[in-house]
PDB file of N, CA and C in Angstrom:
ATOM      1  N   MET A   1     -18.501  14.844  -4.025  1.00  0.00           N
ATOM      2  CA  MET A   1     -17.243  15.210  -3.423  1.00  0.00           C
ATOM      3  C   MET A   1     -16.211  15.386  -4.535  1.00  0.00           C
ATOM      4  N   ASP A   2     -15.657  16.551  -4.642  1.00  0.00           N
ATOM      5  CA  ASP A   2     -14.688  16.865  -5.681  1.00  0.00           C
ATOM      6  C   ASP A   2     -13.285  16.503  -5.198  1.00  0.00           C
ATOM      7  N   ARG A   3     -12.519  15.794  -6.047  1.00  0.00           N
ATOM      8  CA  ARG A   3     -11.150  15.400  -5.708  1.00  0.00           C
ATOM      9  C   ARG A   3     -10.200  16.058  -6.705  1.00  0.00           C
ATOM     10  N   PRO A   4      -9.751  17.262  -6.422  1.00  0.00           N
ATOM     11  CA  PRO A   4      -8.896  17.964  -7.374  1.00  0.00           C
ATOM     12  C   PRO A   4      -7.530  17.309  -7.548  1.00  0.00           C
ATOM     13  N   ALA A   5      -7.047  16.573  -6.544  1.00  0.00           N
ATOM     14  CA  ALA A   5      -5.729  15.938  -6.657  1.00  0.00           C
ATOM     15  C   ALA A   5      -5.731  14.860  -7.735  1.00  0.00           C
ATOM     16  N   LEU A   6      -6.846  14.156  -7.904  1.00  0.00           N
ATOM     17  CA  LEU A   6      -6.911  13.111  -8.910  1.00  0.00           C
ATOM     18  C   LEU A   6      -7.090  13.655 -10.316  1.00  0.00           C
ATOM     19  N   LYS A   7      -7.405  14.931 -10.447  1.00  0.00           N
ATOM     20  CA  LYS A   7      -7.520  15.547 -11.769  1.00  0.00           C
ATOM     21  C   LYS A   7      -6.188  16.109 -12.239  1.00  0.00           C
ATOM     22  N   ASN A   8      -5.231  16.199 -11.342  1.00  0.00           N
ATOM     23  CA  ASN A   8      -3.909  16.712 -11.678  1.00  0.00           C
ATOM     24  C   ASN A   8      -3.133  15.622 -12.426  1.00  0.00           C
ATOM     25  N   PRO A   9      -2.634  15.891 -13.638  1.00  0.00           N
ATOM     26  CA  PRO A   9      -1.916  14.873 -14.412  1.00  0.00           C
ATOM     27  C   PRO A   9      -0.630  14.393 -13.725  1.00  0.00           C
ATOM     28  N   PHE A  10       0.044  15.259 -12.998  1.00  0.00           N
ATOM     29  CA  PHE A  10       1.269  14.856 -12.304  1.00  0.00           C
ATOM     30  C   PHE A  10       0.960  13.841 -11.208  1.00  0.00           C
ATOM     31  N   VAL A  11      -0.096  14.073 -10.448  1.00  0.00           N
ATOM     32  CA  VAL A  11      -0.484  13.140  -9.384  1.00  0.00           C
ATOM     33  C   VAL A  11      -0.900  11.800  -9.986  1.00  0.00           C
ATOM     34  N   LEU A  12      -1.640  11.833 -11.081  1.00  0.00           N
ATOM     35  CA  LEU A  12      -2.041  10.596 -11.742  1.00  0.00           C
ATOM     36  C   LEU A  12      -0.827   9.827 -12.262  1.00  0.00           C
ATOM     37  N   ALA A  13       0.147  10.529 -12.807  1.00  0.00           N
ATOM     38  CA  ALA A  13       1.357   9.876 -13.303  1.00  0.00           C
ATOM     39  C   ALA A  13       2.143   9.230 -12.172  1.00  0.00           C
ATOM     40  N   VAL A  14       2.252   9.905 -11.043  1.00  0.00           N
ATOM     41  CA  VAL A  14       2.971   9.343  -9.889  1.00  0.00           C
ATOM     42  C   VAL A  14       2.237   8.115  -9.358  1.00  0.00           C
ATOM     43  N   LEU A  15       0.922   8.172  -9.270  1.00  0.00           N
ATOM     44  CA  LEU A  15       0.139   7.020  -8.811  1.00  0.00           C
ATOM     45  C   LEU A  15       0.260   5.835  -9.770  1.00  0.00           C
ATOM     46  N   ALA A  16       0.223   6.112 -11.061  1.00  0.00           N
ATOM     47  CA  ALA A  16       0.357   5.046 -12.052  1.00  0.00           C
ATOM     48  C   ALA A  16       1.753   4.421 -11.987  1.00  0.00           C
ATOM     49  N   LEU A  17       2.775   5.241 -11.829  1.00  0.00           N
ATOM     50  CA  LEU A  17       4.137   4.732 -11.711  1.00  0.00           C
ATOM     51  C   LEU A  17       4.286   3.878 -10.455  1.00  0.00           C
ATOM     52  N   GLY A  18       3.705   4.308  -9.354  1.00  0.00           N
ATOM     53  CA  GLY A  18       3.750   3.522  -8.119  1.00  0.00           C
ATOM     54  C   GLY A  18       3.037   2.189  -8.268  1.00  0.00           C
ATOM     55  N   ALA A  19       1.904   2.185  -8.943  1.00  0.00           N
ATOM     56  CA  ALA A  19       1.169   0.935  -9.160  1.00  0.00           C
ATOM     57  C   ALA A  19       1.962  -0.024 -10.040  1.00  0.00           C
ATOM     58  N   LEU A  20       2.621   0.501 -11.071  1.00  0.00           N
ATOM     59  CA  LEU A  20       3.460  -0.342 -11.934  1.00  0.00           C
ATOM     60  C   LEU A  20       4.647  -0.916 -11.169  1.00  0.00           C
ATOM     61  N   MET A  21       5.249  -0.121 -10.309  1.00  0.00           N
ATOM     62  CA  MET A  21       6.386  -0.604  -9.516  1.00  0.00           C
ATOM     63  C   MET A  21       5.960  -1.753  -8.599  1.00  0.00           C
ATOM     64  N   VAL A  22       4.823  -1.614  -7.942  1.00  0.00           N
ATOM     65  CA  VAL A  22       4.334  -2.684  -7.061  1.00  0.00           C
ATOM     66  C   VAL A  22       4.014  -3.933  -7.874  1.00  0.00           C
ATOM     67  N   LEU A  23       3.435  -3.772  -9.059  1.00  0.00           N
ATOM     68  CA  LEU A  23       3.129  -4.905  -9.920  1.00  0.00           C
ATOM     69  C   LEU A  23       4.396  -5.652 -10.315  1.00  0.00           C
ATOM     70  N   PHE A  24       5.427  -4.914 -10.746  1.00  0.00           N
ATOM     71  CA  PHE A  24       6.670  -5.561 -11.153  1.00  0.00           C
ATOM     72  C   PHE A  24       7.413  -6.173  -9.971  1.00  0.00           C
ATOM     73  N   MET A  25       7.265  -5.604  -8.791  1.00  0.00           N
ATOM     74  CA  MET A  25       7.931  -6.155  -7.616  1.00  0.00           C
ATOM     75  C   MET A  25       7.216  -7.392  -7.082  1.00  0.00           C
ATOM     76  N   SER A  26       5.994  -7.639  -7.507  1.00  0.00           N
ATOM     77  CA  SER A  26       5.254  -8.790  -6.994  1.00  0.00           C
ATOM     78  C   SER A  26       5.307  -9.993  -7.933  1.00  0.00           C
ATOM     79  N   THR A  27       5.973  -9.881  -9.070  1.00  0.00           N
ATOM     80  CA  THR A  27       6.107 -11.006  -9.988  1.00  0.00           C
ATOM     81  C   THR A  27       7.570 -11.384 -10.150  1.00  0.00           C
ATOM     82  N   TYR A  28       7.811 -12.658 -10.412  1.00  0.00           N
ATOM     83  CA  TYR A  28       9.158 -13.134 -10.706  1.00  0.00           C
ATOM     84  C   TYR A  28       9.049 -14.364 -11.595  1.00  0.00           C
ATOM     85  N   ILE A  29      10.101 -14.631 -12.363  1.00  0.00           N
ATOM     86  CA  ILE A  29      10.122 -15.746 -13.290  1.00  0.00           C
ATOM     87  C   ILE A  29      11.169 -16.744 -12.820  1.00  0.00           C
ATOM     88  N   VAL A  30      10.751 -17.997 -12.666  1.00  0.00           N
ATOM     89  CA  VAL A  30      11.664 -19.060 -12.257  1.00  0.00           C
ATOM     90  C   VAL A  30      12.143 -19.772 -13.519  1.00  0.00           C
ATOM     91  N   PRO A  31      13.471 -19.768 -13.774  1.00  0.00           N
ATOM     92  CA  PRO A  31      13.993 -20.519 -14.914  1.00  0.00           C
ATOM     93  C   PRO A  31      13.952 -22.033 -14.636  1.00  0.00           C
ATOM     94  N   GLU A  32      14.098 -22.840 -15.690  1.00  0.00           N
ATOM     95  CA  GLU A  32      14.047 -24.291 -15.538  1.00  0.00           C
ATOM     96  C   GLU A  32      15.206 -24.838 -14.723  1.00  0.00           C
ATOM     97  N   THR A  33      16.331 -24.158 -14.702  1.00  0.00           N
ATOM     98  CA  THR A  33      17.516 -24.666 -14.019  1.00  0.00           C
ATOM     99  C   THR A  33      17.640 -24.189 -12.578  1.00  0.00           C
ATOM    100  N   ARG A  34      16.659 -23.426 -12.095  1.00  0.00           N
ATOM    101  CA  ARG A  34      16.717 -22.901 -10.728  1.00  0.00           C
ATOM    102  C   ARG A  34      15.390 -23.108 -10.018  1.00  0.00           C
ATOM    103  N   GLN A  35      15.418 -22.955  -8.719  1.00  0.00           N
ATOM    104  CA  GLN A  35      14.187 -22.916  -7.945  1.00  0.00           C
ATOM    105  C   GLN A  35      14.290 -21.777  -6.943  1.00  0.00           C
ATOM    106  N   ALA A  36      13.160 -21.295  -6.503  1.00  0.00           N
ATOM    107  CA  ALA A  36      13.116 -20.130  -5.613  1.00  0.00           C
ATOM    108  C   ALA A  36      12.604 -20.560  -4.243  1.00  0.00           C
ATOM    109  N   ILE A  37      13.329 -20.187  -3.219  1.00  0.00           N
ATOM    110  CA  ILE A  37      12.903 -20.389  -1.842  1.00  0.00           C
ATOM    111  C   ILE A  37      12.333 -19.055  -1.377  1.00  0.00           C
ATOM    112  N   ILE A  38      11.059 -19.026  -1.023  1.00  0.00           N
ATOM    113  CA  ILE A  38      10.394 -17.796  -0.620  1.00  0.00           C
ATOM    114  C   ILE A  38      10.399 -17.714   0.904  1.00  0.00           C
ATOM    115  N   THR A  39      10.925 -16.609   1.414  1.00  0.00           N
ATOM    116  CA  THR A  39      10.941 -16.379   2.853  1.00  0.00           C
ATOM    117  C   THR A  39      10.160 -15.109   3.167  1.00  0.00           C
ATOM    118  N   SER A  40       9.565 -15.108   4.330  1.00  0.00           N
ATOM    119  CA  SER A  40       8.835 -13.944   4.809  1.00  0.00           C
ATOM    120  C   SER A  40       9.441 -13.545   6.144  1.00  0.00           C
ATOM    121  N   TYR A  41      10.093 -12.398   6.175  1.00  0.00           N
ATOM    122  CA  TYR A  41      10.814 -11.912   7.357  1.00  0.00           C
ATOM    123  C   TYR A  41      11.831 -12.935   7.836  1.00  0.00           C
ATOM    124  N   GLY A  42      12.500 -13.611   6.890  1.00  0.00           N
ATOM    125  CA  GLY A  42      13.533 -14.576   7.215  1.00  0.00           C
ATOM    126  C   GLY A  42      13.041 -15.971   7.517  1.00  0.00           C
ATOM    127  N   GLU A  43      11.741 -16.194   7.554  1.00  0.00           N
ATOM    128  CA  GLU A  43      11.170 -17.502   7.858  1.00  0.00           C
ATOM    129  C   GLU A  43      10.689 -18.153   6.565  1.00  0.00           C
ATOM    130  N   TYR A  44      11.009 -19.455   6.398  1.00  0.00           N
ATOM    131  CA  TYR A  44      10.613 -20.186   5.199  1.00  0.00           C
ATOM    132  C   TYR A  44       9.092 -20.171   5.031  1.00  0.00           C
ATOM    133  N   ARG A  45       8.629 -19.914   3.794  1.00  0.00           N
ATOM    134  CA  ARG A  45       7.197 -19.944   3.478  1.00  0.00           C
ATOM    135  C   ARG A  45       6.864 -21.030   2.456  1.00  0.00           C
ATOM    136  N   ARG A  46       7.579 -21.049   1.322  1.00  0.00           N
ATOM    137  CA  ARG A  46       7.276 -22.026   0.282  1.00  0.00           C
ATOM    138  C   ARG A  46       8.442 -22.108  -0.699  1.00  0.00           C
ATOM    139  N   THR A  47       8.363 -23.105  -1.571  1.00  0.00           N
ATOM    140  CA  THR A  47       9.359 -23.296  -2.623  1.00  0.00           C
ATOM    141  C   THR A  47       8.662 -23.241  -3.970  1.00  0.00           C
ATOM    142  N   ALA A  48       9.207 -22.477  -4.883  1.00  0.00           N
ATOM    143  CA  ALA A  48       8.693 -22.416  -6.256  1.00  0.00           C
ATOM    144  C   ALA A  48       9.688 -23.159  -7.132  1.00  0.00           C
ATOM    145  N   SER A  49       9.376 -24.412  -7.453  1.00  0.00           N
ATOM    146  CA  SER A  49      10.314 -25.231  -8.218  1.00  0.00           C
ATOM    147  C   SER A  49       9.897 -25.400  -9.673  1.00  0.00           C
ATOM    148  N   THR A  50       8.661 -25.047 -10.007  1.00  0.00           N
ATOM    149  CA  THR A  50       8.223 -25.147 -11.402  1.00  0.00           C
ATOM    150  C   THR A  50       8.617 -23.881 -12.154  1.00  0.00           C
ATOM    151  N   ALA A  51       9.040 -24.068 -13.383  1.00  0.00           N
ATOM    152  CA  ALA A  51       9.458 -22.935 -14.207  1.00  0.00           C
ATOM    153  C   ALA A  51       8.237 -22.112 -14.602  1.00  0.00           C
ATOM    154  N   GLY A  52       8.442 -20.802 -14.690  1.00  0.00           N
ATOM    155  CA  GLY A  52       7.364 -19.928 -15.137  1.00  0.00           C
ATOM    156  C   GLY A  52       7.183 -18.711 -14.260  1.00  0.00           C
ATOM    157  N   LEU A  53       6.081 -18.037 -14.482  1.00  0.00           N
ATOM    158  CA  LEU A  53       5.746 -16.809 -13.774  1.00  0.00           C
ATOM    159  C   LEU A  53       5.111 -17.131 -12.429  1.00  0.00           C
ATOM    160  N   HIS A  54       5.588 -16.483 -11.374  1.00  0.00           N
ATOM    161  CA  HIS A  54       5.064 -16.669 -10.022  1.00  0.00           C
ATOM    162  C   HIS A  54       4.843 -15.301  -9.389  1.00  0.00           C
ATOM    163  N   PHE A  55       4.112 -15.293  -8.290  1.00  0.00           N
ATOM    164  CA  PHE A  55       3.784 -14.047  -7.606  1.00  0.00           C
ATOM    165  C   PHE A  55       4.229 -14.101  -6.153  1.00  0.00           C
ATOM    166  N   LYS A  56       4.556 -12.941  -5.602  1.00  0.00           N
ATOM    167  CA  LYS A  56       4.924 -12.818  -4.194  1.00  0.00           C
ATOM    168  C   LYS A  56       4.365 -11.513  -3.656  1.00  0.00           C
ATOM    169  N   ILE A  57       4.382 -11.370  -2.337  1.00  0.00           N
ATOM    170  CA  ILE A  57       3.922 -10.146  -1.697  1.00  0.00           C
ATOM    171  C   ILE A  57       5.109  -9.183  -1.635  1.00  0.00           C
ATOM    172  N   PRO A  58       5.034  -8.038  -2.310  1.00  0.00           N
ATOM    173  CA  PRO A  58       6.174  -7.117  -2.304  1.00  0.00           C
ATOM    174  C   PRO A  58       6.449  -6.559  -0.909  1.00  0.00           C
ATOM    175  N   PHE A  59       7.721  -6.327  -0.623  1.00  0.00           N
ATOM    176  CA  PHE A  59       8.224  -5.762   0.632  1.00  0.00           C
ATOM    177  C   PHE A  59       8.114  -6.734   1.806  1.00  0.00           C
ATOM    178  N   VAL A  60       7.408  -7.861   1.664  1.00  0.00           N
ATOM    179  CA  VAL A  60       7.258  -8.823   2.759  1.00  0.00           C
ATOM    180  C   VAL A  60       8.024 -10.102   2.455  1.00  0.00           C
ATOM    181  N   GLU A  61       7.860 -10.631   1.252  1.00  0.00           N
ATOM    182  CA  GLU A  61       8.499 -11.886   0.880  1.00  0.00           C
ATOM    183  C   GLU A  61       9.756 -11.623   0.058  1.00  0.00           C
ATOM    184  N   GLN A  62      10.804 -12.379   0.358  1.00  0.00           N
ATOM    185  CA  GLN A  62      12.062 -12.292  -0.379  1.00  0.00           C
ATOM    186  C   GLN A  62      12.303 -13.618  -1.090  1.00  0.00           C
ATOM    187  N   ILE A  63      13.074 -13.559  -2.179  1.00  0.00           N
ATOM    188  CA  ILE A  63      13.383 -14.742  -2.978  1.00  0.00           C
ATOM    189  C   ILE A  63      14.842 -15.093  -2.775  1.00  0.00           C
ATOM    190  N   ASN A  64      15.112 -16.368  -2.474  1.00  0.00           N
ATOM    191  CA  ASN A  64      16.465 -16.907  -2.405  1.00  0.00           C
ATOM    192  C   ASN A  64      16.569 -17.965  -3.497  1.00  0.00           C
ATOM    193  N   TRP A  65      17.503 -17.776  -4.417  1.00  0.00           N
ATOM    194  CA  TRP A  65      17.640 -18.662  -5.576  1.00  0.00           C
ATOM    195  C   TRP A  65      18.557 -19.829  -5.255  1.00  0.00           C
ATOM    196  N   VAL A  66      18.163 -21.034  -5.742  1.00  0.00           N
ATOM    197  CA  VAL A  66      18.949 -22.255  -5.583  1.00  0.00           C
ATOM    198  C   VAL A  66      19.063 -22.906  -6.953  1.00  0.00           C
ATOM    199  N   ASP A  67      20.280 -23.337  -7.297  1.00  0.00           N
ATOM    200  CA  ASP A  67      20.515 -24.012  -8.574  1.00  0.00           C
ATOM    201  C   ASP A  67      20.079 -25.465  -8.458  1.00  0.00           C
ATOM    202  N   LYS A  68      19.319 -25.964  -9.441  1.00  0.00           N
ATOM    203  CA  LYS A  68      18.826 -27.343  -9.414  1.00  0.00           C
ATOM    204  C   LYS A  68      19.800 -28.321 -10.055  1.00  0.00           C
ATOM    205  N   ARG A  69      20.839 -27.832 -10.694  1.00  0.00           N
ATOM    206  CA  ARG A  69      21.745 -28.742 -11.403  1.00  0.00           C
ATOM    207  C   ARG A  69      22.655 -29.479 -10.475  1.00  0.00           C
TER     208      ARG A  69
END
């Protein structure tokens, strides 16, 4: 099965850009002085209180920042 759309460099560039956007939207960094409250459609899901890199589901989960100081 031949897929001419995937051989087009413009289509490949758009797909790669979309994949990078989803990747960057699914990661976040929690600083030591803050914690993240993760909500899904406005409902509490979890708390990320340890500093470092964390992951979330893009377009579904939102981050609410709280200062720990």
